Structures are given as C-alpha cells and as structure tokens.
Amino acid sequence: MRSGGPRGARLRRWVARARLSSLRTTFTVSFAAVAAAVTVLVGFLSYDAAARLVRVDQQTVFEGVVQDLLDEVRHSALTPADFATADADGGPRDELIRPSGTVVQVLGPDASVVDRGHPPLPVGADDRRIAAARPAGQLVEHRDVDVGDGMYRVATVSLGDGRGAVQIAQEFSDTEDLLRELQQRTVLLVGAVVIAAGLFGWWLARRITSRLVRLAGAAEDVARTGRLGIQVPVAGYDEVARLGRSFDRMLGRLAQSEEDQRRLVQDAGHELRTPLTSLRTNISMLRRIDELPPAARGELVADLAQESRELTDLVNELVDLAAGQSDREPLQRVALADIAEDVAVAARRRTGRAVTVRVSGDTVVDGRPGALQRALSNLVDNAAKFDRGGGEPIDIVVTGAGMPVGASAGADVGAAVRVEVLDRGPGIAEEDLDRVFDRFYRAPDARSLPGSGLGLSIVREVAAAHGGDPFARRREGGGSAIGFTVGRRGGGED
C-alpha cells in the first residue's frame, strides 16, 4: 500500500533523515575509531620508549657505581672503616652515594653489619661468603630484593683478605611506580583524545550532513510538488556546496525548459487557430462547390492549397524549433564557408534568385552542421520572401577569425566567425529590430505575407547553442542585414 498525503510525506522525510543520521553516525564512529587507533599506537610506542629509556638509564647508572667500587677495591687496600662514615672531604662512601642516591651498607670480616644502610639491607649466605673472601673485588648481585616497602637491586663487593665487604643497593620500585603513573596518564589521555575525536567527528558530520539534509529536503519537495523553482539553500565552496549549486542550476534550467515548452505550446496553439479556422471555413464551402461559379471554385481551391502550405510550413518550423531545443547532433569541425555554399545552391534552385557567397578568414568552428545549415537557410528564405524585386542578388557574407567586422546592432564582435545575409528588401523598422527574433513575431508590414514567425527564432536558438548571438540591422541604401555569430569552439550547452 502506497503512503500518500501529509502522513506519507512525513514518513518519506523521516526515512531520508534516518539515512542521513546513519551516515552521520558512521562518520562519527569512523572518525573516532581512526583517532583511537592512532592515539593508542602513538601512546603505546611513546610509553614503551620512555619506560625502556628510564630503565636502561637507571640500570646503566647502577652498573657504573658497581664498576667504580670494583675498580677502587682492587687498586686500594680498603677496610670497612673507610666506608663506615661519610668523609667531609669526600671519601669512598660519598663517591658511591652521590651519583644516584645509592644505599651503602658495610659488612665486617664475619659478615656482621659495621655500618647499617638506610634502609637496612638483608645479609644472605652469599654475602657472608663474599665478606670472608681473600681476593678483592669479588661480586655477587641480587635482583628484586624486598627491602622494607620497596624493591631494590643489591650488589655485594669483597674488600679482600677477609676484611669484609660493601653492599650497595638501588631502589627501582619508585621508578616502576612512576612508570605506572605515566601509563595511567597515557590511558587517560588516549581516552580523552578518543572522546574529543568522537565529539569533533559528530560536530563535523552534523555540519556536513545538515547541508545534505537540506539538499535532500529540496529534492523531496521537487519530487512531491513538481515545482522546479525551489531555491536550494547551500553555502560554502566544498564538494557539498558545489553539489548544491549544481542541483540549483539544474533546477533552474529545468524550470526554464519547462517554461519554454509551455510558451511554445501556447504560442503554437494560438498560431494554429487561424489557419485551422480558415481551413474549416473553406472545407465547409466545399459542400456547396457545385453551386459556386467557376471563378469562385478556383479561388476556393487556391485558398485551400495556400492555407495547407502555410499550415505545413508552420508545423515543420514548430518541429524544427522543438528539435533545436533538444538537439543531440554531435559536435564536429565544420567550415561555415562550405555550409554557406550548400545553402546558396539550394536557394538558387528553390527560388530562382541569384545568391552569392563571400568568405574571408578562417571559418572553421566546432558546431552542429545540420543546425547551422537550418539557421542559414532560414535567413536566406527570409531575405527572398521580403526582397521580392529581385534586382540585386542576395549576399551571404561569412567573416572568419581575425578579420575586421563591421559594427552591427546586437552583434558580438568578439566572436570568432560571423555569418550575415544581405538583401535589398523594404528593410526592418527601427522599433522592430529588437523583436524580429521573438517567436511568432511578425512585423505589421509582413503579416500579409506567408510565414509563421518562427524562422528567425530558430536562428536565435542555433546561435545561442553555438556560443553566439543573432543580430539585425538596416542597410544603407535600403534592405536588411540579418545574421548570427558562432564561437570559435562553439557548442554552447546541450
């Protein structure tokens, strides 16, 4: 069952928002996940490097203190008394304590504690053996010794000749506590960064998708109401803004195309009424054709033939004009001079008039040959219709790029190629120069002549499609010059 009415519209709008909200959620989660992965990796690597550096540095300092003690007892005959008290001038004990706050405890020959450390260090069997050893500089190390409330590294060095030993210790539990605190802070920092990234991602996704929501709403309004004049509220210069502006331009062109079609149908209906009414009247007279005199019969048949021709011409021009609005003829390199020659040959054969072609400069452009030929044929037919004297030939002038162009009303002197048709007819009144290219417009002097008023409007459509403009002017000595310009690269917009 299809949902219709206001409830269906609300349902469709809710579904669209739900999809965009899903996009917003996906964007937020993705942004937070990437930020979390990067932050965790950086935090782990930073913590590992810092912990490794601290532990190695602490171990190096302790090993340096032990090595200094070994060197000293091996080169000097020291006794426990030398290490028992601190010397104001800096004795062996001070040299052990200064580098890193090492704990020093002195053992006598029987492994008794001569000078207790702070805190006191435990004395084991290995320590007693070292204290009674004869060689100086024997070493025993203990790792992870529990002393009081902390963990220590302990090294015992013999003084030699059974004189005792010196114990030195370094606490590392405080370093591990520091590293654990650093680890906790790193975890908290990672969590804060992830939360901040999620919030920023949500804000950014909302900012982006809010414009998509407005764009989707505008599209839904167009689909629901059929109105193409809806303004799309998009600002900025990013991809979403470009999409919004493109959508807005597309709606504008569709609205213009719809308006052109409506006007074309209205104008065509208006113009078709007259010949159809006349045909209907004359056809009704055919029922009484036997009652008419021979002269009236001939006039009636001639009127029917003339009106049918005008109706045929009108329909053909309407088809040409509609085809020109949606022309899909491919662009190609064409020489307007060759098109002018073809049009001149066809016009001579059709009208019996003299038609000349004058060419100057490079006339090759990117264009649609059929449309250009149709526009130029309309100009020549228009000139032949109004220049009924036939005393002078109709001139087709094609001016290429780089050639001087005469100043003409409405002409685009910057265009690459210019085409105009010159005649010696009655000319165009000044007040009609700006309207001769309007659809179905016919000057008062031309309303008695055959035609539909669409030929020059087709010229305008073709010129606009090729990046040019139509123009019309009065000639000195009588007559008119009507033509159009074509851009060097041509094409316009499909």
Protein backbone atom coordinates (compact mmCIF):
# COMPACT_ATOMS: atom_id res chain seq x y z
CA MET A 1 0.00 0.00 0.00
CA ARG A 2 1.43 3.34 -1.02
CA SER A 3 1.72 6.04 1.57
CA GLY A 4 0.16 9.27 0.39
CA GLY A 5 -0.83 12.66 1.69
CA PRO A 6 0.87 14.54 4.53
CA ARG A 7 1.48 11.37 6.52
CA GLY A 8 3.29 9.73 3.60
CA ALA A 9 5.37 12.87 3.04
CA ARG A 10 6.36 12.92 6.72
CA LEU A 11 7.27 9.23 6.53
CA ARG A 12 9.48 9.75 3.49
CA ARG A 13 11.15 12.74 5.13
CA TRP A 14 11.77 10.71 8.29
CA VAL A 15 13.31 7.85 6.27
CA ALA A 16 15.61 10.29 4.47
CA ARG A 17 16.69 11.86 7.76
CA ALA A 18 17.25 8.42 9.25
CA ARG A 19 19.55 7.52 6.37
CA LEU A 20 21.47 10.74 6.75
CA SER A 21 21.62 10.20 10.53
CA SER A 22 23.06 6.78 9.83
CA LEU A 23 25.64 8.45 7.62
CA ARG A 24 26.34 10.90 10.43
CA THR A 25 26.76 8.04 12.94
CA THR A 26 29.01 6.13 10.57
CA PHE A 27 31.16 9.20 10.00
CA THR A 28 31.39 9.90 13.74
CA VAL A 29 32.28 6.31 14.66
CA SER A 30 34.81 6.08 11.84
CA PHE A 31 36.46 9.36 12.83
CA ALA A 32 36.62 8.28 16.48
CA ALA A 33 37.94 4.81 15.55
CA VAL A 34 40.74 6.23 13.41
CA ALA A 35 41.64 8.74 16.12
CA ALA A 36 41.58 5.99 18.75
CA ALA A 37 43.80 3.69 16.69
CA VAL A 38 46.33 6.43 16.01
CA THR A 39 46.30 7.66 19.62
CA VAL A 40 46.65 4.17 21.09
CA LEU A 41 49.52 3.36 18.76
CA VAL A 42 51.32 6.63 19.46
CA GLY A 43 50.67 6.32 23.21
CA PHE A 44 51.91 2.74 23.35
CA LEU A 45 55.05 3.49 21.38
CA SER A 46 55.74 6.62 23.43
CA TYR A 47 55.24 4.83 26.76
CA ASP A 48 57.34 1.85 25.71
CA ALA A 49 60.17 4.09 24.53
CA ALA A 50 60.05 6.20 27.71
CA ALA A 51 59.93 3.16 30.02
CA ARG A 52 62.74 1.47 28.18
CA LEU A 53 64.85 4.62 28.32
CA VAL A 54 64.26 5.14 32.06
CA ARG A 55 65.00 1.52 32.99
CA VAL A 56 68.11 1.33 30.83
CA ASP A 57 69.37 4.64 32.21
CA GLN A 58 68.81 3.53 35.79
CA GLN A 59 70.49 0.18 35.16
CA THR A 60 73.43 1.91 33.48
CA VAL A 61 73.93 4.26 36.45
CA PHE A 62 73.86 1.38 38.92
CA GLU A 63 76.29 -0.69 36.85
CA GLY A 64 78.60 2.32 36.72
CA VAL A 65 78.54 2.66 40.51
CA VAL A 66 79.31 -1.07 40.95
CA GLN A 67 82.16 -0.86 38.44
CA ASP A 68 83.66 2.14 40.23
CA LEU A 69 83.54 0.23 43.53
CA LEU A 70 85.22 -2.81 41.94
CA ASP A 71 87.99 -0.68 40.50
CA GLU A 72 88.57 1.06 43.80
CA VAL A 73 88.80 -2.06 46.00
CA ARG A 74 91.04 -3.81 43.50
CA HIS A 75 93.56 -0.99 43.39
CA SER A 76 93.46 0.12 47.02
CA ALA A 77 93.58 -1.88 50.24
CA LEU A 78 90.41 -0.55 51.84
CA THR A 79 88.88 -1.58 55.13
CA PRO A 80 85.31 -1.41 56.40
CA ALA A 81 86.27 1.69 58.35
CA ASP A 82 86.92 3.54 55.06
CA PHE A 83 83.27 3.10 54.15
CA ALA A 84 81.75 3.28 57.60
CA THR A 85 81.30 7.04 57.83
CA ALA A 86 80.99 9.90 55.39
CA ASP A 87 84.11 11.97 54.91
CA ALA A 88 83.76 15.73 54.74
CA ASP A 89 86.43 15.83 52.04
CA GLY A 90 84.62 13.15 50.02
CA GLY A 91 85.56 9.56 50.79
CA PRO A 92 84.76 6.27 49.08
CA ARG A 93 81.30 6.17 50.65
CA ASP A 94 80.40 9.62 49.32
CA GLU A 95 81.55 8.67 45.82
CA LEU A 96 79.13 5.72 45.91
CA ILE A 97 76.16 7.71 47.20
CA ARG A 98 76.43 10.87 45.06
CA PRO A 99 75.68 9.53 41.54
CA SER A 100 72.21 8.14 42.23
CA GLY A 101 71.45 8.12 45.95
CA THR A 102 72.75 4.58 46.34
CA VAL A 103 72.20 2.82 49.69
CA VAL A 104 75.54 1.69 51.23
CA GLN A 105 75.90 -0.94 53.95
CA VAL A 106 79.31 -2.12 55.26
CA LEU A 107 79.97 -5.69 56.45
CA GLY A 108 82.80 -6.79 58.73
CA PRO A 109 85.02 -9.93 58.30
CA ASP A 110 82.39 -12.09 59.94
CA ALA A 111 79.63 -10.55 57.81
CA SER A 112 78.39 -8.54 60.76
CA VAL A 113 76.92 -5.14 59.88
CA VAL A 114 79.54 -2.50 60.67
CA ASP A 115 77.54 0.42 59.24
CA ARG A 116 73.87 -0.18 58.61
CA GLY A 117 72.30 1.18 55.48
CA HIS A 118 69.15 3.27 55.30
CA PRO A 119 67.08 1.18 54.96
CA PRO A 120 68.97 -1.87 56.30
CA LEU A 121 69.89 -4.39 53.62
CA PRO A 122 69.45 -8.14 54.16
CA VAL A 123 72.62 -10.27 54.51
CA GLY A 124 72.49 -13.72 52.96
CA ALA A 125 74.83 -16.69 52.69
CA ASP A 126 76.42 -15.39 49.50
CA ASP A 127 77.05 -12.06 51.17
CA ARG A 128 78.80 -13.79 54.10
CA ARG A 129 80.95 -15.77 51.71
CA ILE A 130 81.97 -12.62 49.85
CA ALA A 131 82.81 -10.85 53.13
CA ALA A 132 85.30 -13.63 54.05
CA ALA A 133 86.80 -13.94 50.57
CA ARG A 134 90.52 -13.48 50.12
CA PRO A 135 90.56 -11.86 46.64
CA ALA A 136 89.42 -8.25 46.46
CA GLY A 137 86.65 -7.31 44.05
CA GLN A 138 84.55 -10.46 44.08
CA LEU A 139 80.94 -9.66 43.27
CA VAL A 140 77.52 -11.10 43.93
CA GLU A 141 74.32 -9.45 42.68
CA HIS A 142 70.75 -9.83 43.87
CA ARG A 143 67.79 -8.54 41.89
CA ASP A 144 64.30 -7.72 43.08
CA VAL A 145 65.17 -7.78 46.78
CA ASP A 146 62.28 -6.78 49.04
CA VAL A 147 63.59 -4.18 51.48
CA GLY A 148 61.03 -2.52 53.66
CA ASP A 149 58.33 -1.04 51.40
CA GLY A 150 60.41 -1.10 48.22
CA MET A 151 62.19 -3.33 45.76
CA TYR A 152 65.97 -2.97 45.35
CA ARG A 153 68.87 -4.21 43.31
CA VAL A 154 71.70 -5.24 45.65
CA ALA A 155 75.38 -5.89 44.85
CA THR A 156 77.99 -7.11 47.40
CA VAL A 157 81.72 -6.50 46.70
CA SER A 158 84.53 -8.10 48.75
CA LEU A 159 87.27 -5.90 50.20
CA GLY A 160 89.81 -8.79 50.11
CA ASP A 161 91.94 -10.63 52.69
CA GLY A 162 88.78 -11.42 54.68
CA ARG A 163 88.39 -7.76 55.71
CA GLY A 164 84.69 -7.67 54.91
CA ALA A 165 82.51 -6.39 52.10
CA VAL A 166 80.49 -3.41 50.95
CA GLN A 167 76.83 -3.74 49.93
CA ILE A 168 75.34 -1.17 47.59
CA ALA A 169 71.68 -1.08 46.60
CA GLN A 170 69.46 0.91 44.23
CA GLU A 171 65.71 1.17 44.59
CA PHE A 172 63.73 0.61 41.40
CA SER A 173 60.21 0.32 42.79
CA ASP A 174 59.82 4.10 42.79
CA THR A 175 60.75 4.11 39.10
CA GLU A 176 58.13 1.47 38.38
CA ASP A 177 55.60 3.49 40.33
CA LEU A 178 56.48 6.49 38.19
CA LEU A 179 56.10 4.42 35.04
CA ARG A 180 52.75 3.06 36.21
CA GLU A 181 51.55 6.60 36.82
CA LEU A 182 52.78 7.53 33.37
CA GLN A 183 50.90 4.56 31.96
CA GLN A 184 47.69 5.61 33.70
CA ARG A 185 48.04 9.15 32.45
CA THR A 186 48.67 7.85 28.94
CA VAL A 187 45.49 5.75 29.12
CA LEU A 188 43.53 8.76 30.38
CA LEU A 189 44.98 10.92 27.62
CA VAL A 190 44.07 8.31 25.00
CA GLY A 191 40.53 8.16 26.35
CA ALA A 192 40.23 11.94 26.34
CA VAL A 193 41.54 12.14 22.77
CA VAL A 194 39.09 9.44 21.63
CA ILE A 195 36.16 11.24 23.26
CA ALA A 196 37.28 14.57 21.82
CA ALA A 197 37.71 12.98 18.39
CA GLY A 198 34.24 11.46 18.62
CA LEU A 199 32.70 14.81 19.58
CA PHE A 200 34.59 16.62 16.84
CA GLY A 201 33.61 13.92 14.33
CA TRP A 202 29.96 14.23 15.40
CA TRP A 203 30.12 18.03 15.05
CA LEU A 204 31.82 17.80 11.67
CA ALA A 205 29.43 15.09 10.43
CA ARG A 206 26.46 17.13 11.58
CA ARG A 207 27.78 20.20 9.83
CA ILE A 208 28.30 18.29 6.60
CA THR A 209 25.14 16.22 6.67
CA SER A 210 22.97 19.17 7.71
CA ARG A 211 23.54 20.63 4.26
CA LEU A 212 22.85 17.23 2.73
CA VAL A 213 19.60 17.14 4.74
CA ARG A 214 18.58 20.49 3.25
CA LEU A 215 19.57 19.32 -0.22
CA ALA A 216 17.62 16.07 0.23
CA GLY A 217 14.64 18.06 1.51
CA ALA A 218 14.71 20.29 -1.57
CA ALA A 219 14.86 17.23 -3.85
CA GLU A 220 11.93 15.66 -2.00
CA ASP A 221 9.92 18.88 -2.29
CA VAL A 222 10.55 18.94 -6.04
CA ALA A 223 9.53 15.28 -6.36
CA ARG A 224 6.43 15.79 -4.21
CA THR A 225 5.14 19.10 -5.58
CA GLY A 226 6.60 19.13 -9.10
CA ARG A 227 7.70 22.74 -8.58
CA LEU A 228 11.11 23.44 -10.07
CA GLY A 229 11.51 26.97 -8.73
CA ILE A 230 12.59 25.84 -5.26
CA GLN A 231 15.70 27.63 -4.02
CA VAL A 232 18.40 25.30 -2.69
CA PRO A 233 19.97 26.89 0.45
CA VAL A 234 23.63 25.91 0.15
CA ALA A 235 26.65 28.00 1.12
CA GLY A 236 30.38 27.35 1.06
CA TYR A 237 32.89 26.17 -1.53
CA ASP A 238 33.42 22.47 -0.77
CA GLU A 239 32.05 19.44 -2.62
CA VAL A 240 28.67 19.58 -0.85
CA ALA A 241 28.30 23.25 -1.75
CA ARG A 242 29.26 22.50 -5.35
CA LEU A 243 26.68 19.72 -5.43
CA GLY A 244 24.04 22.09 -4.05
CA ARG A 245 24.84 24.82 -6.56
CA SER A 246 24.85 22.30 -9.43
CA PHE A 247 21.47 21.00 -8.25
CA ASP A 248 20.17 24.55 -8.03
CA ARG A 249 21.39 25.32 -11.57
CA MET A 250 19.87 22.08 -12.81
CA LEU A 251 16.51 23.02 -11.29
CA GLY A 252 16.78 26.47 -12.87
CA ARG A 253 17.44 25.03 -16.30
CA LEU A 254 14.66 22.50 -15.94
CA ALA A 255 12.31 25.28 -14.89
CA GLN A 256 13.41 27.39 -17.87
CA SER A 257 12.97 24.41 -20.20
CA GLU A 258 9.50 23.76 -18.80
CA GLU A 259 8.60 27.44 -19.24
CA ASP A 260 9.92 27.40 -22.84
CA GLN A 261 7.86 24.31 -23.62
CA ARG A 262 4.76 25.87 -22.10
CA ARG A 263 5.24 29.08 -24.08
CA LEU A 264 5.92 27.11 -27.24
CA VAL A 265 2.71 25.11 -26.83
CA GLN A 266 0.68 28.22 -26.05
CA ASP A 267 2.13 30.20 -28.94
CA ALA A 268 1.78 27.27 -31.32
CA GLY A 269 -1.84 26.75 -30.29
CA HIS A 270 -2.53 30.44 -30.83
CA GLU A 271 -0.91 30.48 -34.27
CA LEU A 272 -2.58 27.25 -35.38
CA ARG A 273 -6.08 28.56 -34.67
CA THR A 274 -6.07 30.99 -37.60
CA PRO A 275 -5.15 28.58 -40.43
CA LEU A 276 -7.29 25.83 -38.95
CA THR A 277 -10.30 28.14 -38.71
CA SER A 278 -9.76 29.26 -42.28
CA LEU A 279 -9.41 25.66 -43.46
CA ARG A 280 -12.56 24.65 -41.62
CA THR A 281 -14.48 27.52 -43.22
CA ASN A 282 -13.25 26.70 -46.72
CA ILE A 283 -13.91 22.98 -46.24
CA SER A 284 -17.48 23.78 -45.23
CA MET A 285 -17.78 25.66 -48.51
CA LEU A 286 -16.80 22.52 -50.42
CA ARG A 287 -20.24 21.08 -49.73
CA ARG A 288 -21.68 23.79 -51.97
CA ILE A 289 -18.86 23.80 -54.53
CA ASP A 290 -21.30 22.75 -57.31
CA GLU A 291 -23.34 25.87 -56.61
CA LEU A 292 -20.35 28.20 -56.96
CA PRO A 293 -19.34 29.83 -60.20
CA PRO A 294 -16.11 28.57 -61.83
CA ALA A 295 -14.12 31.63 -60.70
CA ALA A 296 -15.18 31.16 -57.07
CA ARG A 297 -14.31 27.48 -57.27
CA GLY A 298 -10.80 28.24 -58.48
CA GLU A 299 -10.33 30.86 -55.76
CA LEU A 300 -11.56 28.39 -53.11
CA VAL A 301 -9.18 25.67 -54.26
CA ALA A 302 -6.29 28.15 -54.39
CA ASP A 303 -7.07 29.31 -50.83
CA LEU A 304 -7.14 25.70 -49.61
CA ALA A 305 -3.80 24.99 -51.25
CA GLN A 306 -2.24 28.17 -49.82
CA GLU A 307 -3.57 27.55 -46.31
CA SER A 308 -2.44 23.92 -46.34
CA ARG A 309 1.03 25.02 -47.40
CA GLU A 310 1.16 27.61 -44.63
CA LEU A 311 -0.06 25.06 -42.13
CA THR A 312 2.56 22.57 -43.33
CA ASP A 313 5.29 25.22 -43.08
CA LEU A 314 4.14 26.17 -39.59
CA VAL A 315 4.16 22.57 -38.39
CA ASN A 316 7.60 21.95 -39.93
CA GLU A 317 9.04 25.04 -38.26
CA LEU A 318 7.49 24.07 -34.95
CA VAL A 319 9.15 20.67 -35.25
CA ASP A 320 12.46 22.32 -36.15
CA LEU A 321 12.22 24.70 -33.21
CA ALA A 322 11.39 21.91 -30.76
CA ALA A 323 14.20 19.80 -32.18
CA GLY A 324 16.57 22.73 -31.79
CA GLN A 325 15.82 22.90 -28.07
CA SER A 326 16.82 19.27 -27.53
CA ASP A 327 19.28 18.81 -30.38
CA ARG A 328 21.69 15.95 -29.80
CA GLU A 329 23.57 16.26 -33.08
CA PRO A 330 27.25 15.64 -32.24
CA LEU A 331 29.76 18.46 -32.43
CA GLN A 332 32.31 18.31 -35.22
CA ARG A 333 34.71 20.54 -37.08
CA VAL A 334 32.77 22.33 -39.81
CA ALA A 335 33.60 25.08 -42.28
CA LEU A 336 30.83 27.69 -42.37
CA ALA A 337 32.01 28.69 -45.83
CA ASP A 338 31.08 25.21 -47.15
CA ILE A 339 27.69 25.34 -45.41
CA ALA A 340 27.04 28.76 -46.96
CA GLU A 341 27.84 27.39 -50.43
CA ASP A 342 25.42 24.47 -49.94
CA VAL A 343 22.66 26.82 -48.73
CA ALA A 344 23.25 29.14 -51.70
CA VAL A 345 22.97 26.27 -54.19
CA ALA A 346 19.73 25.06 -52.61
CA ALA A 347 18.28 28.61 -52.52
CA ARG A 348 19.08 29.25 -56.21
CA ARG A 349 17.33 26.05 -57.19
CA ARG A 350 14.30 26.65 -54.94
CA THR A 351 13.70 30.38 -55.54
CA GLY A 352 15.40 31.07 -58.87
CA ARG A 353 17.15 34.03 -57.26
CA ALA A 354 20.81 34.93 -57.56
CA VAL A 355 22.59 34.12 -54.29
CA THR A 356 26.27 34.98 -53.83
CA VAL A 357 28.71 33.89 -51.13
CA ARG A 358 31.60 35.99 -49.88
CA VAL A 359 34.13 34.45 -47.50
CA SER A 360 37.08 35.97 -45.65
CA GLY A 361 39.31 34.47 -42.98
CA ASP A 362 39.23 31.11 -41.27
CA THR A 363 35.61 29.90 -40.95
CA VAL A 364 36.22 26.50 -39.32
CA VAL A 365 34.42 26.07 -35.98
CA ASP A 366 33.19 23.33 -33.66
CA GLY A 367 29.48 23.04 -34.41
CA ARG A 368 26.47 21.01 -35.50
CA PRO A 369 26.26 21.13 -39.31
CA GLY A 370 22.52 20.41 -39.54
CA ALA A 371 21.55 23.16 -37.11
CA LEU A 372 23.87 25.73 -38.70
CA GLN A 373 22.54 24.90 -42.17
CA ARG A 374 18.95 25.20 -40.94
CA ALA A 375 19.65 28.64 -39.42
CA LEU A 376 21.38 29.94 -42.55
CA SER A 377 18.60 28.56 -44.80
CA ASN A 378 16.02 30.41 -42.71
CA LEU A 379 17.95 33.66 -43.17
CA VAL A 380 18.13 33.20 -46.95
CA ASP A 381 14.44 32.24 -47.20
CA ASN A 382 13.54 35.30 -45.13
CA ALA A 383 15.56 37.55 -47.44
CA ALA A 384 13.98 36.01 -50.56
CA LYS A 385 10.49 36.46 -49.14
CA PHE A 386 10.91 40.16 -48.43
CA ASP A 387 13.19 41.10 -51.33
CA ARG A 388 10.58 40.44 -53.99
CA GLY A 389 12.03 42.79 -56.58
CA GLY A 390 14.95 40.51 -57.33
CA GLY A 391 17.01 43.33 -58.81
CA GLU A 392 20.12 42.53 -56.79
CA PRO A 393 21.44 39.18 -55.59
CA ILE A 394 21.10 38.02 -52.02
CA ASP A 395 24.57 38.07 -50.41
CA ILE A 396 25.81 35.57 -47.81
CA VAL A 397 28.86 37.03 -46.05
CA VAL A 398 30.97 34.76 -43.83
CA THR A 399 33.71 36.55 -41.87
CA GLY A 400 36.31 34.38 -40.15
CA ALA A 401 38.57 34.88 -37.17
CA GLY A 402 40.92 37.83 -37.18
CA MET A 403 39.05 39.71 -39.93
CA PRO A 404 37.58 43.17 -39.31
CA VAL A 405 33.88 43.09 -38.58
CA GLY A 406 31.56 46.00 -39.18
CA ALA A 407 29.73 47.41 -36.22
CA SER A 408 26.21 45.99 -36.18
CA ALA A 409 23.42 46.33 -33.69
CA GLY A 410 23.39 43.32 -31.43
CA ALA A 411 26.50 41.74 -32.98
CA ASP A 412 29.14 40.10 -30.86
CA VAL A 413 32.32 41.47 -32.41
CA GLY A 414 34.42 39.22 -30.18
CA ALA A 415 33.05 36.01 -31.71
CA ALA A 416 35.33 34.03 -33.98
CA VAL A 417 33.05 33.64 -37.01
CA ARG A 418 30.22 35.88 -38.23
CA VAL A 419 27.54 34.99 -40.77
CA GLU A 420 25.09 37.52 -42.25
CA VAL A 421 22.64 37.64 -45.13
CA LEU A 422 22.18 40.92 -47.03
CA ASP A 423 19.12 41.84 -49.10
CA ARG A 424 17.60 44.90 -50.73
CA GLY A 425 14.06 44.47 -49.48
CA PRO A 426 12.00 47.08 -47.63
CA GLY A 427 14.19 46.72 -44.53
CA ILE A 428 13.22 46.42 -40.89
CA ALA A 429 11.70 49.27 -38.93
CA GLU A 430 13.82 50.55 -36.06
CA GLU A 431 11.18 49.59 -33.49
CA ASP A 432 11.13 46.02 -34.81
CA LEU A 433 14.91 45.34 -34.72
CA ASP A 434 14.83 44.07 -31.14
CA ARG A 435 11.80 41.81 -31.71
CA VAL A 436 12.38 40.09 -35.04
CA PHE A 437 13.93 37.06 -33.30
CA ASP A 438 10.97 36.53 -30.94
CA ARG A 439 8.74 33.52 -31.57
CA PHE A 440 5.72 34.15 -33.78
CA TYR A 441 6.52 37.84 -34.01
CA ARG A 442 5.65 39.34 -37.37
CA ALA A 443 6.04 42.99 -38.23
CA PRO A 444 2.87 44.77 -39.32
CA ASP A 445 4.15 45.01 -42.93
CA ALA A 446 4.84 41.24 -43.01
CA ARG A 447 1.54 39.95 -41.69
CA SER A 448 0.04 39.76 -45.18
CA LEU A 449 2.94 37.59 -46.37
CA PRO A 450 3.18 33.81 -45.90
CA GLY A 451 5.15 32.61 -42.89
CA SER A 452 4.80 31.65 -39.28
CA GLY A 453 7.16 33.98 -37.46
CA LEU A 454 9.37 31.08 -36.31
CA GLY A 455 12.22 31.17 -38.82
CA LEU A 456 14.29 33.86 -37.10
CA SER A 457 13.56 32.45 -33.63
CA ILE A 458 15.20 29.21 -34.83
CA VAL A 459 18.23 31.30 -35.86
CA ARG A 460 18.42 32.69 -32.33
CA GLU A 461 18.23 29.19 -30.80
CA VAL A 462 21.01 27.87 -33.05
CA ALA A 463 23.25 30.88 -32.38
CA ALA A 464 22.80 30.52 -28.60
CA ALA A 465 23.60 26.80 -28.82
CA HIS A 466 26.88 27.66 -30.56
CA GLY A 467 28.03 30.31 -28.12
CA GLY A 468 26.95 33.25 -30.30
CA ASP A 469 24.17 35.82 -30.74
CA PRO A 470 21.80 36.86 -33.52
CA PHE A 471 21.81 40.41 -34.87
CA ALA A 472 19.80 42.53 -37.30
CA ARG A 473 20.39 45.98 -38.79
CA ARG A 474 19.20 48.22 -41.57
CA ARG A 475 21.45 48.58 -44.63
CA GLU A 476 22.40 51.87 -46.13
CA GLY A 477 20.56 52.25 -49.40
CA GLY A 478 17.72 50.00 -48.24
CA GLY A 479 17.38 46.44 -47.19
CA SER A 480 18.44 44.46 -44.15
CA ALA A 481 21.47 42.60 -42.81
CA ILE A 482 20.48 39.72 -40.56
CA GLY A 483 22.84 37.09 -39.20
CA PHE A 484 24.45 35.46 -36.20
CA THR A 485 27.85 34.78 -34.67
CA VAL A 486 29.46 31.46 -33.77
CA GLY A 487 32.15 30.95 -31.12
CA ARG A 488 35.47 29.52 -32.27
CA ARG A 489 34.98 26.43 -30.09
CA GLY A 490 31.22 26.64 -30.39
CA GLY A 491 28.92 24.06 -28.92
CA GLY A 492 27.17 26.01 -26.22
CA GLU A 493 25.18 23.84 -23.85
CA ASP A 494 23.22 20.78 -24.76
